[in-house]
Protein backbone atom coordinates (compact mmCIF):
# COMPACT_ATOMS: atom_id res chain seq x y z
CA UNK A 1 -21.29 2.57 -202.80
CA UNK A 2 -18.82 0.39 -200.91
CA UNK A 3 -17.46 -0.93 -204.22
CA UNK A 4 -16.84 2.62 -205.44
CA UNK A 5 -15.18 3.53 -202.14
CA UNK A 6 -12.93 0.48 -202.35
CA UNK A 7 -11.97 1.32 -205.93
CA UNK A 8 -11.35 4.97 -205.06
CA UNK A 9 -9.12 4.08 -202.13
CA UNK A 10 -7.17 1.65 -204.33
CA UNK A 11 -6.16 4.43 -206.74
CA UNK A 12 -2.65 5.65 -205.82
CA UNK A 13 -2.47 8.94 -203.91
CA UNK A 14 -1.38 11.51 -206.49
CA UNK A 15 -3.41 10.00 -209.33
CA UNK A 16 -6.48 9.88 -207.08
CA UNK A 17 -6.37 13.54 -206.14
CA UNK A 18 -5.34 14.73 -209.60
CA UNK A 19 -8.33 12.93 -211.10
CA UNK A 20 -10.68 14.04 -208.30
CA UNK A 21 -9.75 17.71 -208.59
CA UNK A 22 -10.01 17.56 -212.38
CA UNK A 23 -13.49 16.06 -212.39
CA UNK A 24 -14.73 18.16 -209.46
CA UNK A 25 -13.51 21.53 -210.72
CA UNK A 26 -14.64 20.81 -214.28
CA UNK A 27 -18.15 19.86 -213.13
CA UNK A 28 -18.40 22.98 -210.96
CA UNK A 29 -17.55 25.04 -214.02
CA UNK A 30 -19.93 23.04 -216.22
CA UNK A 31 -22.91 23.78 -213.96
CA UNK A 32 -22.02 27.44 -213.58
CA UNK A 33 -21.02 27.26 -209.91
CA UNK A 34 -17.59 28.65 -210.80
CA UNK A 35 -16.82 31.31 -213.37
CA UNK A 36 -14.79 29.96 -216.29
CA UNK A 37 -12.85 33.21 -216.63
CA UNK A 38 -11.44 33.00 -213.10
CA UNK A 39 -10.07 29.48 -213.62
CA UNK A 40 -8.00 29.73 -216.81
CA UNK A 41 -4.37 30.75 -217.21
CA UNK A 42 -4.08 34.49 -217.79
CA UNK A 43 -0.80 36.38 -217.43
CA UNK A 44 -2.40 39.78 -216.90
CA UNK A 45 -4.71 38.51 -214.13
CA UNK A 46 -1.85 36.73 -212.36
CA UNK A 47 0.57 39.65 -212.45
CA UNK A 48 -1.74 42.66 -212.13
CA UNK A 49 -4.58 41.22 -210.05
CA UNK A 50 -2.44 38.76 -208.07
CA UNK A 51 -4.74 35.84 -208.93
CA UNK A 52 -2.04 33.31 -208.13
CA UNK A 53 -4.42 30.34 -208.11
CA UNK A 54 -4.80 30.37 -211.89
CA UNK A 55 -1.78 28.14 -212.73
CA UNK A 56 -3.35 25.42 -210.54
CA UNK A 57 -6.96 25.82 -211.64
CA UNK A 58 -5.82 25.89 -215.28
CA UNK A 59 -4.41 22.40 -214.69
CA UNK A 60 -7.49 20.91 -213.01
CA UNK A 61 -10.25 22.74 -214.88
CA UNK A 62 -11.47 21.67 -218.32
CA UNK A 63 -14.43 23.40 -220.03
CA UNK A 64 -16.99 20.63 -220.53
CA UNK A 65 -19.52 21.21 -223.32
CA UNK A 66 -21.44 19.01 -225.78
CA UNK A 67 -18.52 19.41 -228.17
CA UNK A 68 -15.71 18.76 -225.69
CA UNK A 69 -17.28 16.23 -223.31
CA UNK A 70 -15.96 13.15 -225.11
CA UNK A 71 -12.46 14.59 -225.29
CA UNK A 72 -12.63 15.33 -221.55
CA UNK A 73 -13.58 11.73 -220.77
CA UNK A 74 -10.71 10.41 -222.89
CA UNK A 75 -8.32 12.75 -221.09
CA UNK A 76 -9.60 11.48 -217.73
CA UNK A 77 -9.10 7.91 -218.90
CA UNK A 78 -5.51 8.59 -219.95
CA UNK A 79 -4.87 10.48 -216.72
CA UNK A 80 -6.16 7.63 -214.57
CA UNK A 81 -4.58 4.86 -216.60
CA UNK A 82 -1.08 6.13 -217.26
CA UNK A 83 -0.54 8.21 -214.13
CA UNK A 84 -1.57 5.18 -212.08
CA UNK A 85 0.82 2.94 -213.99
CA UNK A 86 3.73 5.30 -213.41
CA UNK A 87 2.91 5.87 -209.75
CA UNK A 88 2.52 2.15 -209.03
CA UNK A 89 5.31 1.09 -211.39
CA UNK A 90 8.47 3.03 -212.05
CA UNK A 91 7.82 5.34 -209.07
CA UNK A 92 6.43 2.67 -206.73
CA UNK A 93 7.63 3.32 -203.19
CA UNK A 94 9.00 6.73 -204.23
CA UNK A 95 6.06 9.17 -203.90
CA UNK A 96 8.29 12.24 -203.57
CA UNK A 97 10.03 11.39 -206.85
CA UNK A 98 6.73 11.04 -208.69
CA UNK A 99 5.34 14.23 -207.16
CA UNK A 100 8.50 16.11 -208.14
CA UNK A 101 8.18 14.90 -211.72
CA UNK A 102 4.54 16.06 -211.77
CA UNK A 103 5.60 19.44 -210.38
CA UNK A 104 8.26 19.78 -213.06
CA UNK A 105 5.85 18.87 -215.86
CA UNK A 106 3.25 21.25 -214.46
CA UNK A 107 5.77 24.09 -214.20
CA UNK A 108 6.77 23.50 -217.82
CA UNK A 109 3.11 23.51 -218.87
CA UNK A 110 2.54 26.81 -217.02
CA UNK A 111 5.63 28.40 -218.59
CA UNK A 112 4.70 27.30 -222.12
CA UNK A 113 1.03 28.16 -221.53
CA UNK A 114 1.90 31.72 -220.54
CA UNK A 115 4.33 31.98 -223.44
CA UNK A 116 1.89 30.88 -226.16
CA UNK A 117 -1.37 31.99 -224.54
CA UNK A 118 -2.68 28.52 -223.63
CA UNK A 119 -5.52 28.91 -221.09
CA UNK A 120 -6.08 25.20 -220.22
CA UNK A 121 -3.27 22.81 -219.25
CA UNK A 122 -5.00 19.43 -219.00
CA UNK A 123 -4.06 18.19 -222.48
CA UNK A 124 -0.29 18.84 -222.39
CA UNK A 125 -0.01 17.69 -218.77
CA UNK A 126 -1.74 14.36 -219.40
CA UNK A 127 0.23 13.81 -222.62
CA UNK A 128 3.50 14.51 -220.81
CA UNK A 129 2.81 11.77 -218.25
CA UNK A 130 1.63 9.37 -220.95
CA UNK A 131 4.81 10.06 -222.93
CA UNK A 132 7.05 9.17 -219.96
CA UNK A 133 5.20 5.86 -219.48
CA UNK A 134 5.46 5.08 -223.18
CA UNK A 135 9.21 5.71 -223.16
CA UNK A 136 9.62 3.39 -220.18
CA UNK A 137 7.54 0.71 -221.94
CA UNK A 138 8.59 1.18 -225.56
CA UNK A 139 8.05 -2.43 -226.62
CA UNK A 140 4.63 -2.88 -225.05
CA UNK A 141 2.02 -3.39 -227.77
CA UNK A 142 -1.00 -1.11 -227.35
CA UNK A 143 -4.39 -1.28 -229.06
CA UNK A 144 -6.07 1.76 -230.51
CA UNK A 145 -9.22 2.41 -232.50
CA UNK A 146 -10.24 0.16 -235.41
CA UNK A 147 -8.09 -2.68 -234.08
CA UNK A 148 -4.77 -0.97 -234.82
CA UNK A 149 -1.85 -2.24 -232.76
CA UNK A 150 1.61 -0.74 -232.39
CA UNK A 151 4.41 -0.25 -229.89
CA UNK A 152 3.78 2.12 -226.99
CA UNK A 153 6.59 4.41 -228.13
CA UNK A 154 4.37 5.50 -231.03
CA UNK A 155 1.20 6.13 -228.99
CA UNK A 156 1.80 9.85 -228.27
CA UNK A 157 2.41 10.50 -231.97
CA UNK A 158 -0.68 8.53 -232.95
CA UNK A 159 -2.74 10.65 -230.54
CA UNK A 160 -1.25 13.79 -232.04
CA UNK A 161 -2.11 12.66 -235.58
CA UNK A 162 -5.58 11.52 -234.48
CA UNK A 163 -6.46 14.89 -232.95
CA UNK A 164 -4.92 16.71 -235.90
CA UNK A 165 -7.18 14.82 -238.31
CA UNK A 166 -10.37 14.68 -236.23
CA UNK A 167 -10.43 18.13 -234.63
CA UNK A 168 -7.75 20.08 -236.45
CA UNK A 169 -5.77 20.36 -233.19
CA UNK A 170 -2.48 18.76 -232.29
CA UNK A 171 -0.68 21.76 -230.80
CA UNK A 172 -1.42 20.84 -227.19
CA UNK A 173 -0.48 17.20 -227.85
CA UNK A 174 2.83 18.32 -229.36
CA UNK A 175 3.54 20.51 -226.35
CA UNK A 176 2.79 17.57 -224.04
CA UNK A 177 5.17 15.36 -226.01
CA UNK A 178 7.95 17.95 -225.80
CA UNK A 179 7.47 18.43 -222.05
CA UNK A 180 7.30 14.68 -221.48
CA UNK A 181 10.48 14.19 -223.51
CA UNK A 182 12.30 16.82 -221.47
CA UNK A 183 11.14 15.19 -218.24
CA UNK A 184 12.17 11.71 -219.41
CA UNK A 185 15.54 13.00 -220.60
CA UNK A 186 16.34 14.69 -217.28
CA UNK A 187 15.07 11.75 -215.22
CA UNK A 188 16.74 8.89 -217.06
CA UNK A 189 18.67 9.65 -220.22
CA UNK A 190 20.90 12.48 -218.99
CA UNK A 191 22.12 10.86 -215.74
CA UNK A 192 22.33 7.30 -217.09
CA UNK A 193 23.58 7.65 -220.66
CA UNK A 194 25.44 10.97 -220.52
CA UNK A 195 26.76 10.73 -216.97
CA UNK A 196 25.16 13.98 -215.87
CA UNK A 197 23.71 14.82 -212.46
CA UNK A 198 20.20 13.72 -211.52
CA UNK A 199 18.53 17.10 -212.03
CA UNK A 200 15.04 15.96 -211.05
CA UNK A 201 15.96 14.48 -207.68
CA UNK A 202 13.38 15.75 -205.17
CA UNK A 203 14.63 18.00 -202.35
CA UNK A 204 14.98 16.64 -198.84
CA UNK A 205 11.87 18.34 -197.49
CA UNK A 206 9.69 16.55 -200.07
CA UNK A 207 11.25 13.25 -199.01
CA UNK A 208 10.27 14.08 -195.44
CA UNK A 209 6.69 14.92 -196.43
CA UNK A 210 6.38 11.90 -198.74
CA UNK A 211 8.89 9.34 -197.41
CA UNK A 212 9.90 6.33 -199.46
CA UNK A 213 8.13 3.06 -198.76
CA UNK A 214 9.17 -0.55 -199.28
CA UNK A 215 6.55 -1.25 -201.96
CA UNK A 216 7.90 -2.45 -205.28
CA UNK A 217 5.77 -2.32 -208.45
CA UNK A 218 6.24 -3.66 -211.94
CA UNK A 219 4.93 -1.28 -214.58
CA UNK A 220 7.98 -0.38 -216.63
CA UNK A 221 11.68 -0.22 -215.92
CA UNK A 222 14.18 2.60 -216.20
CA UNK A 223 16.44 2.50 -219.27
CA UNK A 224 19.94 1.21 -218.61
CA UNK A 225 22.99 3.18 -219.65
CA UNK A 226 24.16 2.27 -223.15
CA UNK A 227 22.35 -1.09 -223.09
CA UNK A 228 19.92 -1.77 -225.96
CA UNK A 229 16.34 -2.19 -224.81
CA UNK A 230 14.98 -5.73 -225.01
CA UNK A 231 11.39 -6.47 -226.01
CA UNK A 232 9.01 -7.42 -223.28
CA UNK A 233 7.08 -5.87 -220.43
CA UNK A 234 4.14 -6.25 -218.15
CA UNK A 235 0.98 -7.86 -219.48
CA UNK A 236 -2.02 -5.63 -218.94
CA UNK A 237 -4.68 -7.35 -221.03
CA UNK A 238 -6.41 -6.02 -224.11
CA UNK A 239 -8.65 -3.02 -224.56
CA UNK A 240 -8.82 0.13 -226.62
CA UNK A 241 -7.33 3.59 -226.10
CA UNK A 242 -3.75 2.69 -225.44
CA UNK A 243 -3.81 -0.12 -222.92
CA UNK A 244 -1.88 -3.08 -224.23
CA UNK A 245 0.17 -6.16 -223.65
CA UNK A 246 3.88 -6.79 -223.84
CA UNK A 247 5.37 -7.80 -227.15
CA UNK A 248 5.44 -11.53 -227.24
CA UNK A 249 3.21 -11.78 -224.17
CA UNK A 250 0.61 -14.49 -223.73
């Protein structure tokens, strides 16, 4: 138990609680302790019944069943792996900035979910965070199923194609890619390459709640204005499902 506690405490703050709420709420729904209908995104229930918790529960809840359990575990893996890398890497020492990016992605997921009638937000939210990491680590080589290896910039599209072939889905992955691209553009591309304002700078009150620290991480670097990206990156070691090593790494 102490090993689990040590591991749990080592997970960065926002990733820890995002993963905890996702697993906890999904298990409560799986065992019938919470009603599925009251957890999903529903415009009528929000507006007419004032059930304002639904945009949050639709993010953390995932309907676990014999047919969806494996997909849920993969989503949890991606959530833990890539959210942790961003929080301890590009956003290391800047918790308010990472939280504000998560809030923006979540708000986009809620807006699109209400627009297209999407009741569960886990897939697009996780894919949006994964997409941002992949854009910050374009030249990192990742390993996927059957020994396939490719640059991280292609991973979101491989996941989209994989789900399209295996389950006939792909819509939620595409939405996650679009939201992640918008977030990445506003965070890095627009202010650095086009000279625009930093539109996703967190407000002062968030900086007071989550003040910057002196910690510096090393998982990915922000793109530089009008400077071609050079191959290379952090070495993570080899395993499946999108964790990889830098191009040319040892």
